[in-house]
């Protein structure tokens, strides 16, 4: 997924996934559970963003930029970490491997 926000391009394919989580996004009229995901990324330029996906046909997936402080809070709340905290939030803003 890709989105340009205020001239900055956020692309999940070109960024490093730091953490993710799945959540219940609601229930259908026949009782089925719909799930969504939140994935925290860091771009190659050191920008943090959150990707939201949903199973609802009437809703759209979207990306939002987050500050470094917001990213740290999100990282703490998301259950699956794909990059250690110290690597994800190193002072150096060089691209992650």
PDB file of N, CA and C in Angstrom:
ATOM      1  N   UNK A   1       0.858  -1.161   0.000  1.00  0.00           N
ATOM      2  CA  UNK A   1       0.000   0.000   0.000  1.00  0.00           C
ATOM      3  C   UNK A   1       0.910   1.232   0.000  1.00  0.00           C
ATOM      4  N   UNK A   2       0.447   2.272  -0.654  1.00  0.00           N
ATOM      5  CA  UNK A   2       1.246   3.486  -0.775  1.00  0.00           C
ATOM      6  C   UNK A   2       0.335   4.702  -0.647  1.00  0.00           C
ATOM      7  N   UNK A   3       0.871   5.761  -0.004  1.00  0.00           N
ATOM      8  CA  UNK A   3       0.121   7.007   0.119  1.00  0.00           C
ATOM      9  C   UNK A   3       1.108   8.158   0.217  1.00  0.00           C
ATOM     10  N   UNK A   4       0.766   9.273  -0.404  1.00  0.00           N
ATOM     11  CA  UNK A   4       1.554  10.487  -0.285  1.00  0.00           C
ATOM     12  C   UNK A   4       0.821  11.419   0.665  1.00  0.00           C
ATOM     13  N   UNK A   5       1.544  11.873   1.707  1.00  0.00           N
ATOM     14  CA  UNK A   5       0.981  12.781   2.705  1.00  0.00           C
ATOM     15  C   UNK A   5       1.900  13.983   2.797  1.00  0.00           C
ATOM     16  N   UNK A   6       1.373  15.145   2.465  1.00  0.00           N
ATOM     17  CA  UNK A   6       2.159  16.383   2.486  1.00  0.00           C
ATOM     18  C   UNK A   6       3.484  16.228   1.750  1.00  0.00           C
ATOM     19  N   UNK A   7       3.432  15.612   0.590  1.00  0.00           N
ATOM     20  CA  UNK A   7       4.602  15.471  -0.264  1.00  0.00           C
ATOM     21  C   UNK A   7       5.534  14.326   0.077  1.00  0.00           C
ATOM     22  N   UNK A   8       5.275  13.605   1.170  1.00  0.00           N
ATOM     23  CA  UNK A   8       6.113  12.464   1.553  1.00  0.00           C
ATOM     24  C   UNK A   8       5.403  11.183   1.158  1.00  0.00           C
ATOM     25  N   UNK A   9       6.154  10.282   0.528  1.00  0.00           N
ATOM     26  CA  UNK A   9       5.589   9.017   0.080  1.00  0.00           C
ATOM     27  C   UNK A   9       5.815   7.956   1.158  1.00  0.00           C
ATOM     28  N   UNK A  10       4.738   7.320   1.572  1.00  0.00           N
ATOM     29  CA  UNK A  10       4.780   6.227   2.530  1.00  0.00           C
ATOM     30  C   UNK A  10       4.380   4.960   1.783  1.00  0.00           C
ATOM     31  N   UNK A  11       5.269   3.976   1.754  1.00  0.00           N
ATOM     32  CA  UNK A  11       5.057   2.768   0.958  1.00  0.00           C
ATOM     33  C   UNK A  11       5.408   1.541   1.800  1.00  0.00           C
ATOM     34  N   UNK A  12       4.433   0.679   2.039  1.00  0.00           N
ATOM     35  CA  UNK A  12       4.680  -0.508   2.855  1.00  0.00           C
ATOM     36  C   UNK A  12       5.648  -1.481   2.184  1.00  0.00           C
ATOM     37  N   UNK A  13       5.703  -1.457   0.863  1.00  0.00           N
ATOM     38  CA  UNK A  13       6.598  -2.365   0.136  1.00  0.00           C
ATOM     39  C   UNK A  13       8.064  -1.932   0.227  1.00  0.00           C
ATOM     40  N   UNK A  14       8.301  -0.646   0.452  1.00  0.00           N
ATOM     41  CA  UNK A  14       9.656  -0.100   0.467  1.00  0.00           C
ATOM     42  C   UNK A  14      10.126   0.272   1.876  1.00  0.00           C
ATOM     43  N   UNK A  15       9.372  -0.109   2.892  1.00  0.00           N
ATOM     44  CA  UNK A  15       9.683   0.267   4.270  1.00  0.00           C
ATOM     45  C   UNK A  15       9.861  -0.975   5.132  1.00  0.00           C
ATOM     46  N   UNK A  16      10.367  -0.756   6.341  1.00  0.00           N
ATOM     47  CA  UNK A  16      10.620  -1.857   7.273  1.00  0.00           C
ATOM     48  C   UNK A  16       9.441  -1.980   8.240  1.00  0.00           C
ATOM     49  N   UNK A  17       8.863  -3.175   8.308  1.00  0.00           N
ATOM     50  CA  UNK A  17       7.796  -3.458   9.257  1.00  0.00           C
ATOM     51  C   UNK A  17       8.414  -3.609  10.638  1.00  0.00           C
ATOM     52  N   UNK A  18       7.966  -2.794  11.595  1.00  0.00           N
ATOM     53  CA  UNK A  18       8.512  -2.814  12.945  1.00  0.00           C
ATOM     54  C   UNK A  18       7.666  -3.643  13.900  1.00  0.00           C
ATOM     55  N   UNK A  19       6.336  -3.518  13.774  1.00  0.00           N
ATOM     56  CA  UNK A  19       5.421  -4.215  14.680  1.00  0.00           C
ATOM     57  C   UNK A  19       4.052  -4.306  14.038  1.00  0.00           C
ATOM     58  N   UNK A  20       3.255  -5.272  14.520  1.00  0.00           N
ATOM     59  CA  UNK A  20       1.900  -5.422  13.972  1.00  0.00           C
ATOM     60  C   UNK A  20       0.984  -6.014  15.020  1.00  0.00           C
ATOM     61  N   UNK A  21      -0.295  -5.874  14.748  1.00  0.00           N
ATOM     62  CA  UNK A  21      -1.312  -6.452  15.611  1.00  0.00           C
ATOM     63  C   UNK A  21      -2.604  -6.627  14.850  1.00  0.00           C
ATOM     64  N   UNK A  22      -3.364  -7.615  15.257  1.00  0.00           N
ATOM     65  CA  UNK A  22      -4.677  -7.883  14.677  1.00  0.00           C
ATOM     66  C   UNK A  22      -5.721  -7.551  15.735  1.00  0.00           C
ATOM     67  N   UNK A  23      -6.830  -6.985  15.314  1.00  0.00           N
ATOM     68  CA  UNK A  23      -7.879  -6.619  16.250  1.00  0.00           C
ATOM     69  C   UNK A  23      -9.244  -6.948  15.658  1.00  0.00           C
ATOM     70  N   UNK A  24     -10.236  -7.048  16.508  1.00  0.00           N
ATOM     71  CA  UNK A  24     -11.603  -7.273  16.049  1.00  0.00           C
ATOM     72  C   UNK A  24     -12.142  -5.931  15.572  1.00  0.00           C
ATOM     73  N   UNK A  25     -12.567  -5.918  14.315  1.00  0.00           N
ATOM     74  CA  UNK A  25     -13.025  -4.707  13.657  1.00  0.00           C
ATOM     75  C   UNK A  25     -14.549  -4.621  13.630  1.00  0.00           C
ATOM     76  N   UNK A  26     -15.212  -5.601  14.227  1.00  0.00           N
ATOM     77  CA  UNK A  26     -16.669  -5.602  14.271  1.00  0.00           C
ATOM     78  C   UNK A  26     -17.239  -6.975  13.960  1.00  0.00           C
ATOM     79  N   UNK A  27     -18.564  -7.054  13.986  1.00  0.00           N
ATOM     80  CA  UNK A  27     -19.279  -8.297  13.720  1.00  0.00           C
ATOM     81  C   UNK A  27     -20.310  -8.069  12.630  1.00  0.00           C
ATOM     82  N   UNK A  28     -20.517  -9.087  11.797  1.00  0.00           N
ATOM     83  CA  UNK A  28     -21.544  -8.998  10.765  1.00  0.00           C
ATOM     84  C   UNK A  28     -22.900  -9.303  11.380  1.00  0.00           C
ATOM     85  N   UNK A  29     -23.965  -9.084  10.622  1.00  0.00           N
ATOM     86  CA  UNK A  29     -25.321  -9.324  11.142  1.00  0.00           C
ATOM     87  C   UNK A  29     -25.558 -10.792  11.459  1.00  0.00           C
ATOM     88  N   UNK A  30     -24.798 -11.687  10.818  1.00  0.00           N
ATOM     89  CA  UNK A  30     -24.959 -13.113  11.124  1.00  0.00           C
ATOM     90  C   UNK A  30     -23.926 -13.610  12.144  1.00  0.00           C
ATOM     91  N   UNK A  31     -23.248 -12.678  12.830  1.00  0.00           N
ATOM     92  CA  UNK A  31     -22.370 -13.049  13.931  1.00  0.00           C
ATOM     93  C   UNK A  31     -20.919 -13.324  13.581  1.00  0.00           C
ATOM     94  N   UNK A  32     -20.552 -13.226  12.291  1.00  0.00           N
ATOM     95  CA  UNK A  32     -19.151 -13.452  11.932  1.00  0.00           C
ATOM     96  C   UNK A  32     -18.292 -12.282  12.393  1.00  0.00           C
ATOM     97  N   UNK A  33     -17.080 -12.598  12.788  1.00  0.00           N
ATOM     98  CA  UNK A  33     -16.146 -11.579  13.259  1.00  0.00           C
ATOM     99  C   UNK A  33     -15.344 -11.047  12.077  1.00  0.00           C
ATOM    100  N   UNK A  34     -15.218  -9.734  12.005  1.00  0.00           N
ATOM    101  CA  UNK A  34     -14.367  -9.091  11.010  1.00  0.00           C
ATOM    102  C   UNK A  34     -13.113  -8.615  11.725  1.00  0.00           C
ATOM    103  N   UNK A  35     -11.970  -8.876  11.128  1.00  0.00           N
ATOM    104  CA  UNK A  35     -10.708  -8.487  11.739  1.00  0.00           C
ATOM    105  C   UNK A  35     -10.032  -7.395  10.933  1.00  0.00           C
ATOM    106  N   UNK A  36      -9.184  -6.658  11.619  1.00  0.00           N
ATOM    107  CA  UNK A  36      -8.370  -5.637  10.996  1.00  0.00           C
ATOM    108  C   UNK A  36      -6.944  -5.783  11.489  1.00  0.00           C
ATOM    109  N   UNK A  37      -6.032  -5.103  10.839  1.00  0.00           N
ATOM    110  CA  UNK A  37      -4.642  -5.122  11.283  1.00  0.00           C
ATOM    111  C   UNK A  37      -4.106  -3.694  11.358  1.00  0.00           C
ATOM    112  N   UNK A  38      -3.150  -3.516  12.248  1.00  0.00           N
ATOM    113  CA  UNK A  38      -2.370  -2.287  12.328  1.00  0.00           C
ATOM    114  C   UNK A  38      -0.922  -2.711  12.206  1.00  0.00           C
ATOM    115  N   UNK A  39      -0.192  -2.058  11.310  1.00  0.00           N
ATOM    116  CA  UNK A  39       1.224  -2.358  11.110  1.00  0.00           C
ATOM    117  C   UNK A  39       2.014  -1.056  11.165  1.00  0.00           C
ATOM    118  N   UNK A  40       3.029  -1.047  12.002  1.00  0.00           N
ATOM    119  CA  UNK A  40       3.890   0.119  12.168  1.00  0.00           C
ATOM    120  C   UNK A  40       5.129  -0.053  11.305  1.00  0.00           C
ATOM    121  N   UNK A  41       5.439   0.952  10.493  1.00  0.00           N
ATOM    122  CA  UNK A  41       6.572   0.906   9.565  1.00  0.00           C
ATOM    123  C   UNK A  41       7.516   2.085   9.799  1.00  0.00           C
ATOM    124  N   UNK A  42       8.738   1.896   9.328  1.00  0.00           N
ATOM    125  CA  UNK A  42       9.720   2.980   9.248  1.00  0.00           C
ATOM    126  C   UNK A  42      10.215   3.028   7.810  1.00  0.00           C
ATOM    127  N   UNK A  43      10.112   4.206   7.203  1.00  0.00           N
ATOM    128  CA  UNK A  43      10.539   4.353   5.811  1.00  0.00           C
ATOM    129  C   UNK A  43      12.060   4.409   5.729  1.00  0.00           C
ATOM    130  N   UNK A  44      12.569   4.328   4.523  1.00  0.00           N
ATOM    131  CA  UNK A  44      14.021   4.386   4.336  1.00  0.00           C
ATOM    132  C   UNK A  44      14.579   5.765   4.691  1.00  0.00           C
ATOM    133  N   UNK A  45      13.695   6.763   4.833  1.00  0.00           N
ATOM    134  CA  UNK A  45      14.131   8.103   5.232  1.00  0.00           C
ATOM    135  C   UNK A  45      13.877   8.366   6.721  1.00  0.00           C
ATOM    136  N   UNK A  46      13.504   7.317   7.446  1.00  0.00           N
ATOM    137  CA  UNK A  46      13.327   7.446   8.893  1.00  0.00           C
ATOM    138  C   UNK A  46      11.973   7.948   9.341  1.00  0.00           C
ATOM    139  N   UNK A  47      10.995   8.010   8.439  1.00  0.00           N
ATOM    140  CA  UNK A  47       9.651   8.446   8.792  1.00  0.00           C
ATOM    141  C   UNK A  47       8.842   7.245   9.274  1.00  0.00           C
ATOM    142  N   UNK A  48       8.030   7.453  10.307  1.00  0.00           N
ATOM    143  CA  UNK A  48       7.193   6.387  10.840  1.00  0.00           C
ATOM    144  C   UNK A  48       5.769   6.555  10.338  1.00  0.00           C
ATOM    145  N   UNK A  49       5.119   5.428  10.070  1.00  0.00           N
ATOM    146  CA  UNK A  49       3.726   5.474   9.653  1.00  0.00           C
ATOM    147  C   UNK A  49       3.018   4.191  10.032  1.00  0.00           C
ATOM    148  N   UNK A  50       1.699   4.283  10.096  1.00  0.00           N
ATOM    149  CA  UNK A  50       0.846   3.165  10.491  1.00  0.00           C
ATOM    150  C   UNK A  50      -0.073   2.815   9.331  1.00  0.00           C
ATOM    151  N   UNK A  51      -0.113   1.528   9.007  1.00  0.00           N
ATOM    152  CA  UNK A  51      -1.003   1.014   7.972  1.00  0.00           C
ATOM    153  C   UNK A  51      -2.183   0.324   8.663  1.00  0.00           C
ATOM    154  N   UNK A  52      -3.395   0.727   8.295  1.00  0.00           N
ATOM    155  CA  UNK A  52      -4.619   0.120   8.832  1.00  0.00           C
ATOM    156  C   UNK A  52      -5.286  -0.677   7.715  1.00  0.00           C
ATOM    157  N   UNK A  53      -5.604  -1.930   7.966  1.00  0.00           N
ATOM    158  CA  UNK A  53      -6.360  -2.711   6.983  1.00  0.00           C
ATOM    159  C   UNK A  53      -7.603  -3.284   7.655  1.00  0.00           C
ATOM    160  N   UNK A  54      -8.622  -3.527   6.849  1.00  0.00           N
ATOM    161  CA  UNK A  54      -9.886  -4.021   7.359  1.00  0.00           C
ATOM    162  C   UNK A  54     -10.471  -5.047   6.400  1.00  0.00           C
ATOM    163  N   UNK A  55     -11.348  -5.888   6.901  1.00  0.00           N
ATOM    164  CA  UNK A  55     -12.050  -6.858   6.056  1.00  0.00           C
ATOM    165  C   UNK A  55     -13.410  -6.337   5.591  1.00  0.00           C
ATOM    166  N   UNK A  56     -13.826  -5.189   6.084  1.00  0.00           N
ATOM    167  CA  UNK A  56     -15.115  -4.639   5.699  1.00  0.00           C
ATOM    168  C   UNK A  56     -15.050  -4.085   4.282  1.00  0.00           C
ATOM    169  N   UNK A  57     -16.003  -4.477   3.458  1.00  0.00           N
ATOM    170  CA  UNK A  57     -16.044  -4.003   2.077  1.00  0.00           C
ATOM    171  C   UNK A  57     -16.373  -2.516   2.002  1.00  0.00           C
ATOM    172  N   UNK A  58     -17.125  -2.006   2.960  1.00  0.00           N
ATOM    173  CA  UNK A  58     -17.534  -0.605   2.934  1.00  0.00           C
ATOM    174  C   UNK A  58     -16.470   0.339   3.503  1.00  0.00           C
ATOM    175  N   UNK A  59     -15.418  -0.208   4.105  1.00  0.00           N
ATOM    176  CA  UNK A  59     -14.337   0.618   4.650  1.00  0.00           C
ATOM    177  C   UNK A  59     -13.101   0.491   3.776  1.00  0.00           C
ATOM    178  N   UNK A  60     -12.234   1.471   3.868  1.00  0.00           N
ATOM    179  CA  UNK A  60     -11.004   1.459   3.075  1.00  0.00           C
ATOM    180  C   UNK A  60      -9.789   1.291   3.970  1.00  0.00           C
ATOM    181  N   UNK A  61      -8.791   0.637   3.425  1.00  0.00           N
ATOM    182  CA  UNK A  61      -7.503   0.568   4.092  1.00  0.00           C
ATOM    183  C   UNK A  61      -6.849   1.939   3.967  1.00  0.00           C
ATOM    184  N   UNK A  62      -6.020   2.300   4.941  1.00  0.00           N
ATOM    185  CA  UNK A  62      -5.379   3.608   4.859  1.00  0.00           C
ATOM    186  C   UNK A  62      -4.053   3.624   5.605  1.00  0.00           C
ATOM    187  N   UNK A  63      -3.285   4.668   5.335  1.00  0.00           N
ATOM    188  CA  UNK A  63      -1.987   4.902   5.959  1.00  0.00           C
ATOM    189  C   UNK A  63      -2.046   6.264   6.632  1.00  0.00           C
ATOM    190  N   UNK A  64      -1.432   6.364   7.821  1.00  0.00           N
ATOM    191  CA  UNK A  64      -1.294   7.654   8.482  1.00  0.00           C
ATOM    192  C   UNK A  64       0.124   7.801   9.006  1.00  0.00           C
ATOM    193  N   UNK A  65       0.671   9.004   8.897  1.00  0.00           N
ATOM    194  CA  UNK A  65       2.010   9.254   9.428  1.00  0.00           C
ATOM    195  C   UNK A  65       1.907   9.425  10.936  1.00  0.00           C
ATOM    196  N   UNK A  66       2.987   9.044  11.634  1.00  0.00           N
ATOM    197  CA  UNK A  66       3.027   9.207  13.087  1.00  0.00           C
ATOM    198  C   UNK A  66       4.387   9.785  13.487  1.00  0.00           C
ATOM    199  N   UNK A  67       4.397  10.514  14.572  1.00  0.00           N
ATOM    200  CA  UNK A  67       5.645  11.072  15.103  1.00  0.00           C
ATOM    201  C   UNK A  67       6.469   9.940  15.720  1.00  0.00           C
ATOM    202  N   UNK A  68       7.706  10.222  16.034  1.00  0.00           N
ATOM    203  CA  UNK A  68       8.540   9.201  16.669  1.00  0.00           C
ATOM    204  C   UNK A  68       7.967   8.831  18.038  1.00  0.00           C
ATOM    205  N   UNK A  69       7.454   9.804  18.785  1.00  0.00           N
ATOM    206  CA  UNK A  69       6.850   9.495  20.087  1.00  0.00           C
ATOM    207  C   UNK A  69       5.594   8.647  19.920  1.00  0.00           C
ATOM    208  N   UNK A  70       4.784   8.985  18.926  1.00  0.00           N
ATOM    209  CA  UNK A  70       3.597   8.184  18.640  1.00  0.00           C
ATOM    210  C   UNK A  70       3.970   6.777  18.208  1.00  0.00           C
ATOM    211  N   UNK A  71       5.026   6.655  17.411  1.00  0.00           N
ATOM    212  CA  UNK A  71       5.485   5.344  16.955  1.00  0.00           C
ATOM    213  C   UNK A  71       5.955   4.493  18.128  1.00  0.00           C
ATOM    214  N   UNK A  72       6.647   5.109  19.082  1.00  0.00           N
ATOM    215  CA  UNK A  72       7.106   4.368  20.267  1.00  0.00           C
ATOM    216  C   UNK A  72       5.926   3.852  21.086  1.00  0.00           C
ATOM    217  N   UNK A  73       4.898   4.687  21.233  1.00  0.00           N
ATOM    218  CA  UNK A  73       3.702   4.263  21.972  1.00  0.00           C
ATOM    219  C   UNK A  73       2.995   3.122  21.247  1.00  0.00           C
ATOM    220  N   UNK A  74       2.872   3.244  19.924  1.00  0.00           N
ATOM    221  CA  UNK A  74       2.235   2.186  19.139  1.00  0.00           C
ATOM    222  C   UNK A  74       3.031   0.890  19.224  1.00  0.00           C
ATOM    223  N   UNK A  75       4.337   1.005  19.129  1.00  0.00           N
ATOM    224  CA  UNK A  75       5.210  -0.168  19.213  1.00  0.00           C
ATOM    225  C   UNK A  75       4.937  -0.918  20.519  1.00  0.00           C
ATOM    226  N   UNK A  76       4.786  -0.170  21.609  1.00  0.00           N
ATOM    227  CA  UNK A  76       4.547  -0.783  22.919  1.00  0.00           C
ATOM    228  C   UNK A  76       3.193  -1.487  22.994  1.00  0.00           C
ATOM    229  N   UNK A  77       2.208  -1.015  22.228  1.00  0.00           N
ATOM    230  CA  UNK A  77       0.874  -1.608  22.309  1.00  0.00           C
ATOM    231  C   UNK A  77       0.650  -2.740  21.299  1.00  0.00           C
ATOM    232  N   UNK A  78       1.439  -2.775  20.243  1.00  0.00           N
ATOM    233  CA  UNK A  78       1.267  -3.829  19.240  1.00  0.00           C
ATOM    234  C   UNK A  78       1.951  -5.104  19.725  1.00  0.00           C
ATOM    235  N   UNK A  79       1.284  -6.254  19.615  1.00  0.00           N
ATOM    236  CA  UNK A  79       1.809  -7.475  20.228  1.00  0.00           C
ATOM    237  C   UNK A  79       2.956  -8.172  19.496  1.00  0.00           C
ATOM    238  N   UNK A  80       3.073  -7.983  18.201  1.00  0.00           N
ATOM    239  CA  UNK A  80       4.113  -8.697  17.440  1.00  0.00           C
ATOM    240  C   UNK A  80       5.181  -7.714  16.973  1.00  0.00           C
ATOM    241  N   UNK A  81       6.402  -7.893  17.471  1.00  0.00           N
ATOM    242  CA  UNK A  81       7.521  -7.028  17.096  1.00  0.00           C
ATOM    243  C   UNK A  81       8.430  -7.769  16.128  1.00  0.00           C
ATOM    244  N   UNK A  82       8.684  -7.161  14.983  1.00  0.00           N
ATOM    245  CA  UNK A  82       9.531  -7.787  13.969  1.00  0.00           C
ATOM    246  C   UNK A  82      10.952  -7.240  13.988  1.00  0.00           C
ATOM    247  N   UNK A  83      11.152  -6.114  14.670  1.00  0.00           N
ATOM    248  CA  UNK A  83      12.461  -5.479  14.824  1.00  0.00           C
ATOM    249  C   UNK A  83      12.584  -5.093  16.301  1.00  0.00           C
ATOM    250  N   UNK A  84      13.725  -5.352  16.921  1.00  0.00           N
ATOM    251  CA  UNK A  84      13.893  -4.950  18.326  1.00  0.00           C
ATOM    252  C   UNK A  84      13.749  -3.427  18.500  1.00  0.00           C
ATOM    253  N   UNK A  85      13.254  -3.015  19.663  1.00  0.00           N
ATOM    254  CA  UNK A  85      13.007  -1.600  19.945  1.00  0.00           C
ATOM    255  C   UNK A  85      14.251  -0.748  19.703  1.00  0.00           C
ATOM    256  N   UNK A  86      15.393  -1.191  20.207  1.00  0.00           N
ATOM    257  CA  UNK A  86      16.619  -0.390  20.081  1.00  0.00           C
ATOM    258  C   UNK A  86      17.023  -0.188  18.629  1.00  0.00           C
ATOM    259  N   UNK A  87      16.739  -1.148  17.784  1.00  0.00           N
ATOM    260  CA  UNK A  87      17.049  -1.016  16.354  1.00  0.00           C
ATOM    261  C   UNK A  87      16.001  -0.156  15.646  1.00  0.00           C
ATOM    262  N   UNK A  88      14.748  -0.327  16.030  1.00  0.00           N
ATOM    263  CA  UNK A  88      13.670   0.419  15.383  1.00  0.00           C
ATOM    264  C   UNK A  88      13.746   1.910  15.672  1.00  0.00           C
ATOM    265  N   UNK A  89      14.229   2.272  16.862  1.00  0.00           N
ATOM    266  CA  UNK A  89      14.239   3.672  17.277  1.00  0.00           C
ATOM    267  C   UNK A  89      15.632   4.175  17.592  1.00  0.00           C
ATOM    268  N   UNK A  90      16.617   3.689  16.868  1.00  0.00           N
ATOM    269  CA  UNK A  90      17.991   4.150  17.051  1.00  0.00           C
ATOM    270  C   UNK A  90      18.074   5.638  16.728  1.00  0.00           C
ATOM    271  N   UNK A  91      18.961   6.338  17.416  1.00  0.00           N
ATOM    272  CA  UNK A  91      19.151   7.774  17.170  1.00  0.00           C
ATOM    273  C   UNK A  91      19.493   8.032  15.718  1.00  0.00           C
ATOM    274  N   UNK A  92      20.299   7.175  15.183  1.00  0.00           N
ATOM    275  CA  UNK A  92      20.702   7.280  13.770  1.00  0.00           C
ATOM    276  C   UNK A  92      19.470   6.968  12.922  1.00  0.00           C
ATOM    277  N   UNK A  93      19.156   7.818  11.981  1.00  0.00           N
ATOM    278  CA  UNK A  93      17.972   7.615  11.145  1.00  0.00           C
ATOM    279  C   UNK A  93      18.317   6.995   9.802  1.00  0.00           C
ATOM    280  N   UNK A  94      19.377   6.214   9.766  1.00  0.00           N
ATOM    281  CA  UNK A  94      19.772   5.532   8.537  1.00  0.00           C
ATOM    282  C   UNK A  94      18.784   4.404   8.259  1.00  0.00           C
ATOM    283  N   UNK A  95      18.696   3.938   7.019  1.00  0.00           N
ATOM    284  CA  UNK A  95      17.795   2.833   6.696  1.00  0.00           C
ATOM    285  C   UNK A  95      18.143   1.574   7.485  1.00  0.00           C
ATOM    286  N   UNK A  96      17.099   0.863   7.880  1.00  0.00           N
ATOM    287  CA  UNK A  96      17.292  -0.424   8.553  1.00  0.00           C
ATOM    288  C   UNK A  96      17.624  -1.491   7.539  1.00  0.00           C
ATOM    289  N   UNK A  97      18.382  -2.506   7.933  1.00  0.00           N
ATOM    290  CA  UNK A  97      18.722  -3.596   6.973  1.00  0.00           C
ATOM    291  C   UNK A  97      17.493  -4.396   6.578  1.00  0.00           C
TER     292      UNK A  97
END
